[in-house]
N, C-alpha and C. Protein backbone atom coordinates (compact mmCIF):
# COMPACT_ATOMS: atom_id res chain seq x y z
N MET A 1 46.47 -76.92 51.07
CA MET A 1 45.10 -77.18 51.43
C MET A 1 44.30 -77.45 50.17
N ALA A 2 43.55 -78.55 50.17
CA ALA A 2 42.73 -78.92 49.02
C ALA A 2 41.27 -78.55 49.28
N ILE A 3 40.65 -77.92 48.30
CA ILE A 3 39.24 -77.55 48.38
C ILE A 3 38.44 -78.49 47.50
N CYS A 4 37.47 -79.17 48.08
CA CYS A 4 36.64 -80.12 47.34
C CYS A 4 35.20 -79.62 47.27
N GLU A 5 34.54 -79.92 46.16
CA GLU A 5 33.15 -79.54 45.98
C GLU A 5 32.39 -80.67 45.29
N GLN A 6 31.07 -80.67 45.44
CA GLN A 6 30.24 -81.62 44.73
C GLN A 6 30.24 -81.29 43.24
N THR A 7 30.36 -82.30 42.41
CA THR A 7 30.43 -82.07 40.97
C THR A 7 29.25 -82.68 40.22
N GLU A 8 28.25 -83.15 40.94
CA GLU A 8 27.05 -83.64 40.28
C GLU A 8 25.83 -83.32 41.12
N ASP A 9 24.68 -83.35 40.51
CA ASP A 9 23.42 -83.02 41.17
C ASP A 9 23.07 -84.13 42.17
N PRO A 10 22.90 -83.77 43.46
CA PRO A 10 22.57 -84.79 44.47
C PRO A 10 21.28 -85.54 44.15
N GLN A 11 20.34 -84.89 43.46
CA GLN A 11 19.06 -85.52 43.15
C GLN A 11 19.20 -86.58 42.06
N GLN A 12 20.27 -86.45 41.25
CA GLN A 12 20.47 -87.42 40.17
C GLN A 12 21.55 -88.44 40.50
N ALA A 13 22.25 -88.23 41.58
CA ALA A 13 23.34 -89.14 41.94
C ALA A 13 22.80 -90.44 42.50
N LYS A 14 23.50 -91.50 42.19
CA LYS A 14 23.19 -92.82 42.74
C LYS A 14 24.24 -93.15 43.79
N GLY A 15 23.82 -93.19 45.03
CA GLY A 15 24.78 -93.43 46.10
C GLY A 15 25.43 -92.13 46.53
N VAL A 16 26.71 -92.22 46.82
CA VAL A 16 27.46 -91.05 47.29
C VAL A 16 27.62 -90.04 46.16
N VAL A 17 27.35 -88.78 46.46
CA VAL A 17 27.49 -87.72 45.46
C VAL A 17 28.97 -87.56 45.10
N LYS A 18 29.24 -87.45 43.82
CA LYS A 18 30.61 -87.34 43.34
C LYS A 18 31.22 -86.01 43.77
N ARG A 19 32.43 -86.05 44.28
CA ARG A 19 33.16 -84.85 44.68
C ARG A 19 34.55 -84.87 44.06
N GLU A 20 35.07 -83.69 43.77
CA GLU A 20 36.40 -83.58 43.18
C GLU A 20 37.15 -82.41 43.82
N VAL A 21 38.47 -82.47 43.76
CA VAL A 21 39.29 -81.35 44.20
C VAL A 21 39.21 -80.26 43.14
N VAL A 22 38.73 -79.09 43.52
CA VAL A 22 38.57 -77.99 42.58
C VAL A 22 39.67 -76.95 42.69
N GLN A 23 40.44 -77.00 43.77
CA GLN A 23 41.56 -76.06 43.93
C GLN A 23 42.49 -76.56 45.02
N VAL A 24 43.78 -76.36 44.80
CA VAL A 24 44.78 -76.66 45.81
C VAL A 24 45.49 -75.35 46.15
N ILE A 25 45.44 -74.96 47.41
CA ILE A 25 46.07 -73.71 47.85
C ILE A 25 47.41 -74.05 48.50
N THR A 26 48.47 -73.48 47.97
CA THR A 26 49.82 -73.69 48.48
C THR A 26 50.38 -72.35 48.95
N PRO A 27 51.52 -72.36 49.66
CA PRO A 27 52.08 -71.09 50.16
C PRO A 27 52.31 -70.05 49.07
N GLY A 28 52.66 -70.50 47.86
CA GLY A 28 52.96 -69.55 46.80
C GLY A 28 51.77 -69.13 45.96
N THR A 29 50.61 -69.78 46.15
CA THR A 29 49.44 -69.45 45.35
C THR A 29 48.35 -68.75 46.14
N VAL A 30 48.62 -68.41 47.39
CA VAL A 30 47.64 -67.72 48.23
C VAL A 30 47.38 -66.32 47.67
N MET A 31 46.11 -65.96 47.57
CA MET A 31 45.75 -64.63 47.10
C MET A 31 44.80 -63.94 48.06
N ASN A 32 44.43 -64.59 49.15
CA ASN A 32 43.49 -64.05 50.11
C ASN A 32 44.11 -62.89 50.88
N GLY A 33 43.46 -61.74 50.82
CA GLY A 33 43.99 -60.56 51.50
C GLY A 33 44.01 -60.68 53.01
N ASN A 34 43.24 -61.63 53.55
CA ASN A 34 43.23 -61.81 55.00
C ASN A 34 44.44 -62.60 55.48
N ILE A 35 45.12 -63.27 54.54
CA ILE A 35 46.29 -64.08 54.88
C ILE A 35 47.58 -63.33 54.60
N ILE A 36 47.59 -62.57 53.51
CA ILE A 36 48.79 -61.83 53.10
C ILE A 36 48.68 -60.39 53.57
N GLU A 37 49.74 -59.88 54.17
CA GLU A 37 49.78 -58.46 54.54
C GLU A 37 49.66 -57.62 53.28
N GLU A 38 48.90 -56.52 53.34
CA GLU A 38 48.59 -55.77 52.14
C GLU A 38 49.81 -55.20 51.43
N LYS A 39 50.90 -54.97 52.15
CA LYS A 39 52.10 -54.43 51.52
C LYS A 39 53.15 -55.50 51.24
N ASP A 40 52.77 -56.77 51.42
CA ASP A 40 53.69 -57.87 51.17
C ASP A 40 53.49 -58.44 49.77
N ASN A 41 54.59 -58.86 49.17
CA ASN A 41 54.53 -59.60 47.91
C ASN A 41 54.44 -61.09 48.23
N ASN A 42 53.82 -61.84 47.33
CA ASN A 42 53.75 -63.29 47.50
C ASN A 42 54.25 -63.93 46.21
N TYR A 43 55.55 -64.18 46.14
CA TYR A 43 56.16 -64.71 44.93
C TYR A 43 56.19 -66.23 44.94
N LEU A 44 55.79 -66.79 43.80
CA LEU A 44 55.95 -68.20 43.51
C LEU A 44 57.05 -68.31 42.46
N LEU A 45 58.09 -69.11 42.75
CA LEU A 45 59.24 -69.22 41.86
C LEU A 45 59.36 -70.62 41.28
N SER A 46 59.98 -70.70 40.12
CA SER A 46 60.43 -71.99 39.61
C SER A 46 61.91 -71.86 39.27
N ILE A 47 62.66 -72.90 39.60
CA ILE A 47 64.10 -72.95 39.30
C ILE A 47 64.36 -74.23 38.53
N THR A 48 64.97 -74.10 37.36
CA THR A 48 65.25 -75.25 36.51
C THR A 48 66.73 -75.29 36.15
N PRO A 49 67.44 -76.37 36.53
CA PRO A 49 68.86 -76.48 36.17
C PRO A 49 69.02 -76.99 34.74
N PHE A 50 70.00 -76.44 34.04
CA PHE A 50 70.32 -76.87 32.68
C PHE A 50 71.81 -77.21 32.59
N ALA A 51 72.22 -77.73 31.45
CA ALA A 51 73.62 -78.07 31.25
C ALA A 51 74.48 -76.81 31.19
N ALA A 52 75.78 -77.01 31.34
CA ALA A 52 76.76 -75.92 31.24
C ALA A 52 76.55 -74.86 32.31
N GLY A 53 76.09 -75.25 33.49
CA GLY A 53 75.98 -74.32 34.59
C GLY A 53 74.96 -73.21 34.41
N LYS A 54 73.83 -73.54 33.79
CA LYS A 54 72.77 -72.55 33.60
C LYS A 54 71.57 -72.91 34.48
N TYR A 55 70.94 -71.88 35.02
CA TYR A 55 69.74 -72.06 35.85
C TYR A 55 68.69 -71.07 35.41
N GLY A 56 67.52 -71.58 35.04
CA GLY A 56 66.41 -70.72 34.70
C GLY A 56 65.61 -70.38 35.95
N ILE A 57 65.21 -69.13 36.09
CA ILE A 57 64.40 -68.70 37.24
C ILE A 57 63.20 -67.92 36.71
N ALA A 58 62.02 -68.33 37.12
CA ALA A 58 60.79 -67.62 36.77
C ALA A 58 60.06 -67.27 38.06
N ALA A 59 59.47 -66.08 38.12
CA ALA A 59 58.79 -65.62 39.33
C ALA A 59 57.46 -64.99 38.97
N VAL A 60 56.41 -65.42 39.65
CA VAL A 60 55.08 -64.83 39.49
C VAL A 60 54.63 -64.27 40.83
N GLU A 61 54.21 -63.02 40.82
CA GLU A 61 53.65 -62.40 42.02
C GLU A 61 52.14 -62.53 41.92
N MET A 62 51.56 -63.39 42.74
CA MET A 62 50.18 -63.79 42.56
C MET A 62 49.18 -62.66 42.76
N THR A 63 49.48 -61.69 43.61
CA THR A 63 48.51 -60.63 43.87
C THR A 63 48.48 -59.58 42.77
N THR A 64 49.62 -59.34 42.10
CA THR A 64 49.69 -58.31 41.06
C THR A 64 49.74 -58.89 39.66
N GLY A 65 50.14 -60.18 39.52
CA GLY A 65 50.25 -60.80 38.20
C GLY A 65 51.60 -60.58 37.54
N GLU A 66 52.53 -59.93 38.21
CA GLU A 66 53.87 -59.70 37.65
C GLU A 66 54.54 -61.04 37.35
N PHE A 67 55.18 -61.14 36.18
CA PHE A 67 55.78 -62.40 35.71
C PHE A 67 57.18 -62.09 35.17
N LEU A 68 58.22 -62.49 35.90
CA LEU A 68 59.60 -62.20 35.53
C LEU A 68 60.38 -63.49 35.29
N VAL A 69 61.29 -63.45 34.31
CA VAL A 69 62.09 -64.64 33.98
C VAL A 69 63.52 -64.21 33.72
N THR A 70 64.50 -65.02 34.16
CA THR A 70 65.90 -64.74 33.87
C THR A 70 66.68 -66.04 33.77
N LEU A 71 67.90 -65.93 33.29
CA LEU A 71 68.79 -67.09 33.15
C LEU A 71 70.11 -66.78 33.84
N ILE A 72 70.50 -67.65 34.78
CA ILE A 72 71.72 -67.45 35.56
C ILE A 72 72.82 -68.38 35.03
N ASN A 73 73.98 -67.82 34.75
CA ASN A 73 75.15 -68.61 34.38
C ASN A 73 76.06 -68.70 35.59
N GLY A 74 76.13 -69.88 36.19
CA GLY A 74 76.94 -70.03 37.40
C GLY A 74 76.60 -71.31 38.13
N THR A 75 76.68 -71.25 39.43
CA THR A 75 76.44 -72.42 40.27
C THR A 75 75.03 -72.37 40.87
N GLN A 76 74.66 -73.45 41.55
CA GLN A 76 73.38 -73.46 42.24
C GLN A 76 73.35 -72.39 43.33
N GLU A 77 74.51 -72.12 43.90
CA GLU A 77 74.60 -71.06 44.91
C GLU A 77 74.22 -69.71 44.31
N ASP A 78 74.67 -69.45 43.08
CA ASP A 78 74.32 -68.20 42.40
C ASP A 78 72.82 -68.12 42.14
N ALA A 79 72.24 -69.26 41.76
CA ALA A 79 70.79 -69.30 41.51
C ALA A 79 70.02 -69.04 42.80
N ILE A 80 70.50 -69.57 43.90
CA ILE A 80 69.84 -69.35 45.19
C ILE A 80 69.91 -67.89 45.59
N HIS A 81 71.05 -67.26 45.38
CA HIS A 81 71.19 -65.84 45.70
C HIS A 81 70.20 -65.00 44.89
N GLU A 82 70.03 -65.35 43.62
CA GLU A 82 69.09 -64.62 42.78
C GLU A 82 67.66 -64.85 43.24
N ALA A 83 67.34 -66.10 43.56
CA ALA A 83 65.99 -66.43 44.02
C ALA A 83 65.67 -65.72 45.34
N ALA A 84 66.68 -65.54 46.18
CA ALA A 84 66.47 -64.92 47.49
C ALA A 84 66.01 -63.48 47.37
N ARG A 85 66.29 -62.83 46.25
CA ARG A 85 65.85 -61.44 46.06
C ARG A 85 64.33 -61.32 46.14
N PHE A 86 63.63 -62.40 45.78
CA PHE A 86 62.17 -62.36 45.74
C PHE A 86 61.54 -62.80 47.06
N ARG A 87 62.33 -63.34 47.96
CA ARG A 87 61.82 -63.88 49.23
C ARG A 87 60.59 -64.74 48.97
N PRO A 88 60.73 -65.80 48.14
CA PRO A 88 59.57 -66.60 47.73
C PRO A 88 59.00 -67.42 48.87
N LYS A 89 57.69 -67.64 48.80
CA LYS A 89 57.02 -68.51 49.76
C LYS A 89 57.10 -69.97 49.32
N GLU A 90 57.28 -70.17 48.00
CA GLU A 90 57.29 -71.52 47.44
C GLU A 90 58.16 -71.54 46.19
N VAL A 91 58.88 -72.65 46.01
CA VAL A 91 59.75 -72.82 44.85
C VAL A 91 59.37 -74.12 44.13
N VAL A 92 59.14 -74.03 42.83
CA VAL A 92 58.78 -75.19 42.02
C VAL A 92 60.00 -75.66 41.26
N ILE A 93 60.30 -76.95 41.34
CA ILE A 93 61.49 -77.51 40.71
C ILE A 93 61.14 -78.80 39.97
N PRO A 94 61.99 -79.24 39.03
CA PRO A 94 61.78 -80.54 38.38
C PRO A 94 62.20 -81.66 39.32
N SER A 95 61.65 -82.84 39.11
CA SER A 95 61.93 -83.97 39.99
C SER A 95 63.37 -84.47 39.90
N HIS A 96 64.06 -84.14 38.80
CA HIS A 96 65.43 -84.65 38.65
C HIS A 96 66.46 -83.85 39.45
N LEU A 97 66.04 -82.75 40.09
CA LEU A 97 66.98 -82.03 40.96
C LEU A 97 67.30 -82.92 42.15
N SER A 98 68.57 -82.99 42.51
CA SER A 98 69.01 -83.90 43.57
C SER A 98 68.36 -83.58 44.91
N LYS A 99 68.31 -84.60 45.77
CA LYS A 99 67.77 -84.41 47.12
C LYS A 99 68.57 -83.36 47.88
N GLU A 100 69.89 -83.37 47.65
CA GLU A 100 70.74 -82.38 48.31
C GLU A 100 70.39 -80.97 47.84
N GLY A 101 70.11 -80.85 46.53
CA GLY A 101 69.73 -79.55 45.98
C GLY A 101 68.41 -79.06 46.54
N GLN A 102 67.44 -79.97 46.68
CA GLN A 102 66.15 -79.62 47.25
C GLN A 102 66.30 -79.16 48.70
N ALA A 103 67.11 -79.90 49.46
CA ALA A 103 67.32 -79.55 50.87
C ALA A 103 67.98 -78.18 51.01
N MET A 104 68.91 -77.88 50.10
CA MET A 104 69.59 -76.59 50.14
C MET A 104 68.61 -75.45 49.87
N LEU A 105 67.70 -75.66 48.92
CA LEU A 105 66.71 -74.63 48.62
C LEU A 105 65.82 -74.37 49.83
N GLU A 106 65.36 -75.44 50.46
CA GLU A 106 64.49 -75.28 51.63
C GLU A 106 65.19 -74.55 52.76
N GLU A 107 66.45 -74.92 52.98
CA GLU A 107 67.20 -74.33 54.09
C GLU A 107 67.57 -72.88 53.82
N ARG A 108 68.07 -72.60 52.63
CA ARG A 108 68.59 -71.26 52.34
C ARG A 108 67.48 -70.25 52.06
N LEU A 109 66.38 -70.71 51.44
CA LEU A 109 65.31 -69.79 51.09
C LEU A 109 64.17 -69.80 52.09
N GLY A 110 64.12 -70.83 52.94
CA GLY A 110 63.03 -70.93 53.89
C GLY A 110 61.68 -71.03 53.22
N ALA A 111 61.64 -71.68 52.05
CA ALA A 111 60.42 -71.77 51.26
C ALA A 111 60.00 -73.22 51.09
N THR A 112 58.72 -73.41 50.83
CA THR A 112 58.21 -74.74 50.50
C THR A 112 58.70 -75.12 49.12
N VAL A 113 59.18 -76.36 48.94
CA VAL A 113 59.65 -76.85 47.66
C VAL A 113 58.62 -77.83 47.08
N SER A 114 58.15 -77.57 45.86
CA SER A 114 57.16 -78.41 45.19
C SER A 114 57.73 -78.93 43.88
N ILE A 115 57.27 -80.10 43.48
CA ILE A 115 57.76 -80.76 42.27
C ILE A 115 56.77 -80.57 41.12
N GLU A 116 57.29 -80.22 39.94
CA GLU A 116 56.45 -80.11 38.75
C GLU A 116 57.28 -80.48 37.52
N ASP A 117 56.84 -81.51 36.80
CA ASP A 117 57.52 -81.92 35.57
C ASP A 117 56.70 -81.60 34.33
N GLY A 118 55.45 -81.19 34.52
CA GLY A 118 54.59 -80.89 33.38
C GLY A 118 54.97 -79.59 32.71
N LEU A 119 54.99 -79.62 31.36
CA LEU A 119 55.33 -78.42 30.60
C LEU A 119 54.30 -78.15 29.51
N ALA A 120 53.23 -78.94 29.49
CA ALA A 120 52.25 -78.82 28.42
C ALA A 120 51.46 -77.54 28.53
N ASP A 121 50.94 -77.09 27.37
CA ASP A 121 50.10 -75.90 27.33
C ASP A 121 48.71 -76.23 27.87
N SER A 122 47.92 -75.20 28.17
CA SER A 122 46.55 -75.37 28.62
C SER A 122 45.66 -74.42 27.84
N ASP A 123 45.02 -74.94 26.82
CA ASP A 123 44.11 -74.16 25.98
C ASP A 123 44.81 -72.99 25.30
N GLY A 124 46.10 -73.15 25.01
CA GLY A 124 46.83 -72.12 24.29
C GLY A 124 47.16 -70.88 25.10
N GLU A 125 46.91 -70.90 26.41
CA GLU A 125 47.14 -69.71 27.22
C GLU A 125 48.63 -69.41 27.39
N LEU A 126 49.47 -70.45 27.37
CA LEU A 126 50.91 -70.22 27.55
C LEU A 126 51.50 -69.45 26.38
N GLU A 127 51.00 -69.68 25.19
CA GLU A 127 51.56 -69.03 24.01
C GLU A 127 51.52 -67.52 24.15
N GLU A 128 50.42 -67.00 24.66
CA GLU A 128 50.29 -65.55 24.81
C GLU A 128 51.15 -65.03 25.95
N LEU A 129 51.27 -65.80 27.05
CA LEU A 129 52.05 -65.35 28.20
C LEU A 129 53.55 -65.35 27.90
N LEU A 130 53.99 -66.27 27.05
CA LEU A 130 55.43 -66.44 26.83
C LEU A 130 55.89 -65.89 25.49
N ILE A 131 55.08 -65.07 24.86
CA ILE A 131 55.36 -64.63 23.51
C ILE A 131 56.67 -63.84 23.39
N GLU A 132 57.11 -63.19 24.46
CA GLU A 132 58.32 -62.36 24.38
C GLU A 132 59.60 -63.10 24.77
N LEU A 133 59.50 -64.39 25.12
CA LEU A 133 60.68 -65.18 25.48
C LEU A 133 61.22 -65.87 24.24
N ASP A 134 62.55 -65.79 24.03
CA ASP A 134 63.13 -66.34 22.81
C ASP A 134 64.22 -67.38 23.07
N GLN A 135 64.40 -67.80 24.31
CA GLN A 135 65.40 -68.83 24.62
C GLN A 135 64.69 -70.07 25.16
N PRO A 136 65.09 -71.27 24.72
CA PRO A 136 64.42 -72.50 25.17
C PRO A 136 64.48 -72.71 26.68
N GLU A 137 65.59 -72.30 27.30
CA GLU A 137 65.71 -72.46 28.75
C GLU A 137 64.68 -71.58 29.48
N LEU A 138 64.50 -70.36 28.99
CA LEU A 138 63.52 -69.46 29.60
C LEU A 138 62.11 -70.00 29.41
N MET A 139 61.85 -70.53 28.21
CA MET A 139 60.52 -71.08 27.91
C MET A 139 60.20 -72.25 28.84
N GLU A 140 61.16 -73.15 29.01
CA GLU A 140 60.91 -74.33 29.85
C GLU A 140 60.67 -73.94 31.30
N THR A 141 61.48 -73.02 31.80
CA THR A 141 61.33 -72.58 33.19
C THR A 141 59.99 -71.92 33.43
N ALA A 142 59.60 -71.05 32.51
CA ALA A 142 58.32 -70.35 32.64
C ALA A 142 57.14 -71.32 32.48
N CYS A 143 57.25 -72.25 31.55
CA CYS A 143 56.19 -73.23 31.33
C CYS A 143 55.98 -74.08 32.58
N ARG A 144 57.06 -74.46 33.23
CA ARG A 144 56.94 -75.27 34.45
C ARG A 144 56.14 -74.51 35.51
N LEU A 145 56.43 -73.24 35.66
CA LEU A 145 55.75 -72.46 36.69
C LEU A 145 54.26 -72.29 36.37
N ILE A 146 53.94 -71.94 35.13
CA ILE A 146 52.55 -71.72 34.75
C ILE A 146 51.77 -73.03 34.77
N HIS A 147 52.40 -74.12 34.34
CA HIS A 147 51.72 -75.41 34.38
C HIS A 147 51.37 -75.78 35.82
N TYR A 148 52.27 -75.49 36.75
CA TYR A 148 52.00 -75.76 38.17
C TYR A 148 50.81 -74.93 38.65
N LEU A 149 50.73 -73.68 38.20
CA LEU A 149 49.61 -72.83 38.58
C LEU A 149 48.30 -73.37 38.03
N PHE A 150 48.30 -73.78 36.76
CA PHE A 150 47.09 -74.36 36.17
C PHE A 150 46.65 -75.60 36.95
N ARG A 151 47.61 -76.43 37.31
CA ARG A 151 47.29 -77.70 37.96
C ARG A 151 46.75 -77.51 39.37
N THR A 152 47.25 -76.52 40.08
CA THR A 152 46.84 -76.33 41.47
C THR A 152 45.62 -75.42 41.61
N THR A 153 45.63 -74.28 40.92
CA THR A 153 44.53 -73.34 41.07
C THR A 153 43.28 -73.79 40.32
N LYS A 154 43.48 -74.51 39.20
CA LYS A 154 42.36 -75.04 38.41
C LYS A 154 41.37 -73.95 38.02
N ARG A 155 41.89 -72.81 37.65
CA ARG A 155 41.02 -71.71 37.23
C ARG A 155 41.78 -70.78 36.30
N SER A 156 41.06 -69.81 35.75
CA SER A 156 41.68 -68.89 34.81
C SER A 156 42.75 -68.05 35.49
N LEU A 157 43.80 -67.77 34.71
CA LEU A 157 44.89 -66.95 35.22
C LEU A 157 44.99 -65.65 34.40
N ASP A 158 43.84 -65.05 34.19
CA ASP A 158 43.77 -63.86 33.34
C ASP A 158 44.59 -62.70 33.89
N HIS A 159 44.79 -62.67 35.21
CA HIS A 159 45.50 -61.53 35.79
C HIS A 159 47.02 -61.65 35.65
N ILE A 160 47.50 -62.84 35.24
CA ILE A 160 48.95 -63.00 35.05
C ILE A 160 49.40 -62.25 33.80
N GLN A 161 50.42 -61.41 33.95
CA GLN A 161 50.91 -60.61 32.83
C GLN A 161 51.87 -61.42 31.96
N LYS A 162 52.18 -60.88 30.79
CA LYS A 162 53.13 -61.54 29.91
C LYS A 162 54.51 -61.63 30.58
N ALA A 163 55.19 -62.74 30.36
CA ALA A 163 56.51 -62.93 30.96
C ALA A 163 57.49 -61.89 30.41
N VAL A 164 58.26 -61.30 31.33
CA VAL A 164 59.25 -60.28 30.96
C VAL A 164 60.64 -60.78 31.36
N TYR A 165 61.56 -60.76 30.41
CA TYR A 165 62.94 -61.16 30.71
C TYR A 165 63.67 -59.99 31.36
N TYR A 166 64.41 -60.29 32.43
CA TYR A 166 65.23 -59.25 33.06
C TYR A 166 66.66 -59.79 33.23
N ARG A 167 67.60 -58.88 33.25
CA ARG A 167 69.01 -59.26 33.42
C ARG A 167 69.39 -59.10 34.89
N SER A 168 69.82 -60.17 35.48
CA SER A 168 70.12 -60.14 36.92
C SER A 168 71.24 -59.16 37.25
N HIS A 169 72.18 -58.97 36.31
CA HIS A 169 73.31 -58.07 36.61
C HIS A 169 72.91 -56.59 36.53
N ASP A 170 71.66 -56.29 36.21
CA ASP A 170 71.19 -54.91 36.29
C ASP A 170 70.89 -54.50 37.73
N TYR A 171 70.89 -55.49 38.62
CA TYR A 171 70.56 -55.25 40.02
C TYR A 171 71.75 -55.60 40.91
N MET A 172 71.84 -54.95 42.04
CA MET A 172 72.92 -55.20 42.97
C MET A 172 72.85 -56.63 43.50
N GLY A 173 73.97 -57.31 43.47
CA GLY A 173 74.03 -58.68 43.97
C GLY A 173 74.22 -58.69 45.49
N ILE A 174 73.22 -59.18 46.20
CA ILE A 174 73.29 -59.27 47.67
C ILE A 174 72.98 -60.71 48.05
N ASP A 175 73.92 -61.40 48.67
CA ASP A 175 73.68 -62.80 48.99
C ASP A 175 72.70 -62.95 50.16
N VAL A 176 72.28 -64.20 50.38
CA VAL A 176 71.25 -64.49 51.38
C VAL A 176 71.66 -64.02 52.76
N HIS A 177 72.90 -64.32 53.16
CA HIS A 177 73.36 -63.95 54.50
C HIS A 177 73.43 -62.44 54.69
N SER A 178 73.89 -61.73 53.66
CA SER A 178 73.97 -60.27 53.76
C SER A 178 72.59 -59.65 53.89
N ARG A 179 71.63 -60.20 53.16
CA ARG A 179 70.27 -59.68 53.25
C ARG A 179 69.74 -59.77 54.68
N ARG A 180 70.01 -60.90 55.31
CA ARG A 180 69.53 -61.09 56.68
C ARG A 180 70.28 -60.19 57.65
N ASN A 181 71.60 -60.15 57.54
CA ASN A 181 72.40 -59.38 58.49
C ASN A 181 72.22 -57.87 58.34
N LEU A 182 71.92 -57.42 57.14
CA LEU A 182 71.68 -55.99 56.92
C LEU A 182 70.29 -55.56 57.38
N GLU A 183 69.45 -56.53 57.67
CA GLU A 183 68.09 -56.25 58.14
C GLU A 183 67.36 -55.29 57.20
N LEU A 184 67.37 -55.64 55.93
CA LEU A 184 66.75 -54.78 54.93
C LEU A 184 65.23 -54.72 55.08
N ILE A 185 64.62 -55.90 55.26
CA ILE A 185 63.16 -55.99 55.28
C ILE A 185 62.62 -56.30 56.67
N GLU A 186 63.37 -57.08 57.43
CA GLU A 186 62.94 -57.46 58.77
C GLU A 186 64.15 -57.58 59.68
N THR A 187 63.93 -57.47 60.98
CA THR A 187 65.03 -57.56 61.93
C THR A 187 65.52 -59.00 62.03
N LEU A 188 66.76 -59.15 62.40
CA LEU A 188 67.39 -60.47 62.41
C LEU A 188 66.81 -61.37 63.48
N ARG A 189 66.58 -60.84 64.66
CA ARG A 189 66.13 -61.69 65.77
C ARG A 189 64.62 -61.85 65.82
N GLU A 190 63.90 -60.74 65.75
CA GLU A 190 62.46 -60.80 65.95
C GLU A 190 61.67 -60.96 64.66
N LYS A 191 62.35 -60.86 63.50
CA LYS A 191 61.70 -61.01 62.20
C LYS A 191 60.54 -60.02 62.03
N LYS A 192 60.77 -58.78 62.48
CA LYS A 192 59.75 -57.76 62.39
C LYS A 192 60.20 -56.62 61.48
N LYS A 193 59.23 -55.94 60.89
CA LYS A 193 59.52 -54.81 60.01
C LYS A 193 60.08 -53.63 60.80
N VAL A 194 59.51 -53.39 61.98
CA VAL A 194 59.97 -52.28 62.81
C VAL A 194 61.43 -52.50 63.21
N GLY A 195 62.28 -51.54 62.89
CA GLY A 195 63.70 -51.66 63.20
C GLY A 195 64.54 -52.01 61.99
N SER A 196 63.89 -52.40 60.88
CA SER A 196 64.61 -52.71 59.65
C SER A 196 64.71 -51.46 58.79
N LEU A 197 65.48 -51.54 57.69
CA LEU A 197 65.59 -50.41 56.77
C LEU A 197 64.23 -50.08 56.18
N LEU A 198 63.45 -51.10 55.82
CA LEU A 198 62.12 -50.87 55.28
C LEU A 198 61.24 -50.14 56.30
N GLY A 199 61.35 -50.52 57.55
CA GLY A 199 60.55 -49.88 58.58
C GLY A 199 60.87 -48.41 58.73
N VAL A 200 62.13 -48.03 58.49
CA VAL A 200 62.54 -46.62 58.59
C VAL A 200 62.05 -45.82 57.39
N LEU A 201 62.12 -46.42 56.20
CA LEU A 201 61.82 -45.69 54.97
C LEU A 201 60.35 -45.70 54.57
N ASP A 202 59.60 -46.67 55.03
CA ASP A 202 58.25 -46.86 54.52
C ASP A 202 57.26 -45.83 55.07
N GLU A 203 56.93 -44.87 54.23
CA GLU A 203 55.88 -43.91 54.54
C GLU A 203 54.81 -43.96 53.45
N THR A 204 54.75 -45.08 52.74
CA THR A 204 53.77 -45.24 51.67
C THR A 204 52.36 -45.32 52.25
N GLU A 205 51.39 -44.93 51.44
CA GLU A 205 50.01 -44.90 51.88
C GLU A 205 49.16 -46.00 51.26
N THR A 206 49.67 -46.66 50.22
CA THR A 206 48.89 -47.70 49.55
C THR A 206 49.67 -49.01 49.56
N ALA A 207 48.93 -50.12 49.34
CA ALA A 207 49.57 -51.44 49.28
C ALA A 207 50.53 -51.52 48.11
N MET A 208 50.13 -50.98 46.95
CA MET A 208 51.00 -51.03 45.76
C MET A 208 52.29 -50.25 46.00
N GLY A 209 52.18 -49.09 46.65
CA GLY A 209 53.37 -48.31 46.95
C GLY A 209 54.29 -49.03 47.91
N GLY A 210 53.72 -49.69 48.90
CA GLY A 210 54.52 -50.44 49.86
C GLY A 210 55.26 -51.59 49.21
N ARG A 211 54.60 -52.28 48.28
CA ARG A 211 55.24 -53.38 47.57
C ARG A 211 56.37 -52.89 46.68
N LEU A 212 56.13 -51.75 46.02
CA LEU A 212 57.16 -51.20 45.13
C LEU A 212 58.39 -50.78 45.92
N LEU A 213 58.20 -50.13 47.06
CA LEU A 213 59.33 -49.73 47.89
C LEU A 213 60.11 -50.96 48.35
N LYS A 214 59.42 -52.00 48.72
CA LYS A 214 60.09 -53.22 49.17
C LYS A 214 60.91 -53.82 48.03
N GLN A 215 60.38 -53.79 46.81
CA GLN A 215 61.13 -54.29 45.66
C GLN A 215 62.40 -53.48 45.44
N TRP A 216 62.30 -52.17 45.58
CA TRP A 216 63.48 -51.32 45.39
C TRP A 216 64.57 -51.64 46.41
N ILE A 217 64.16 -51.93 47.63
CA ILE A 217 65.14 -52.24 48.68
C ILE A 217 65.74 -53.63 48.48
N GLU A 218 64.92 -54.57 48.11
CA GLU A 218 65.41 -55.94 47.94
C GLU A 218 66.19 -56.14 46.65
N ARG A 219 65.83 -55.37 45.62
CA ARG A 219 66.49 -55.52 44.32
C ARG A 219 66.89 -54.14 43.80
N PRO A 220 67.89 -53.50 44.43
CA PRO A 220 68.28 -52.14 44.02
C PRO A 220 68.99 -52.16 42.66
N LEU A 221 68.57 -51.26 41.78
CA LEU A 221 69.20 -51.12 40.47
C LEU A 221 70.60 -50.52 40.62
N ILE A 222 71.49 -50.91 39.72
CA ILE A 222 72.85 -50.35 39.72
C ILE A 222 73.10 -49.51 38.49
N SER A 223 72.08 -49.35 37.65
CA SER A 223 72.21 -48.53 36.44
C SER A 223 71.19 -47.39 36.48
N LYS A 224 71.65 -46.15 36.38
CA LYS A 224 70.74 -45.01 36.39
C LYS A 224 69.89 -44.96 35.12
N LYS A 225 70.37 -45.60 34.05
CA LYS A 225 69.65 -45.57 32.78
C LYS A 225 68.50 -46.56 32.74
N THR A 226 68.52 -47.52 33.64
CA THR A 226 67.47 -48.54 33.65
C THR A 226 66.29 -48.04 34.45
N ASP A 227 65.07 -48.14 33.84
CA ASP A 227 63.89 -47.67 34.57
C ASP A 227 62.97 -48.84 34.88
């Protein structure tokens, strides 16, 4: 959805008052509490394929500002399994990804697929957000995601936290089909929380607590030493 506003004074305009698109709202950039359930996460992802079977994945949770980045060594199927952990509403990809690859993402993740090739900085804001990333693949993947946010939201992203690298093998690997069949977050047939594992365990009282519990269920740690 595109939001347009007048950008000049009607009293000084000659003819039709100039209007411009001031914001584009997409499934992954929604922040309105009336649209998103208070205990739901709204992840926007970017997936970037590289040579030698590498896939960069960056994820931003728009309501909390959480910013995670990782690098997958494997196939596109492995990248999809990792992306599925976030249950993204939207996935941003480069235009050179094949049509077959785009269709697979839409089908397997059930998310909107958007194209972004821009990687340029915006007023130096990327430098601060990406300061802890030291691999070019991670930098490119994260830049693509943030550039897409700048282009669509057209506003400050002060609430976005610094990008944090995480290792995917620190978490239990659960493929897309297993997640659905195990009914971790929602039931298989009715797509409802009631009857799922989350529905049984969730006794949280706040939105933040509910989101954290959901993250633990969707991305369970396999190392007791990792906090």
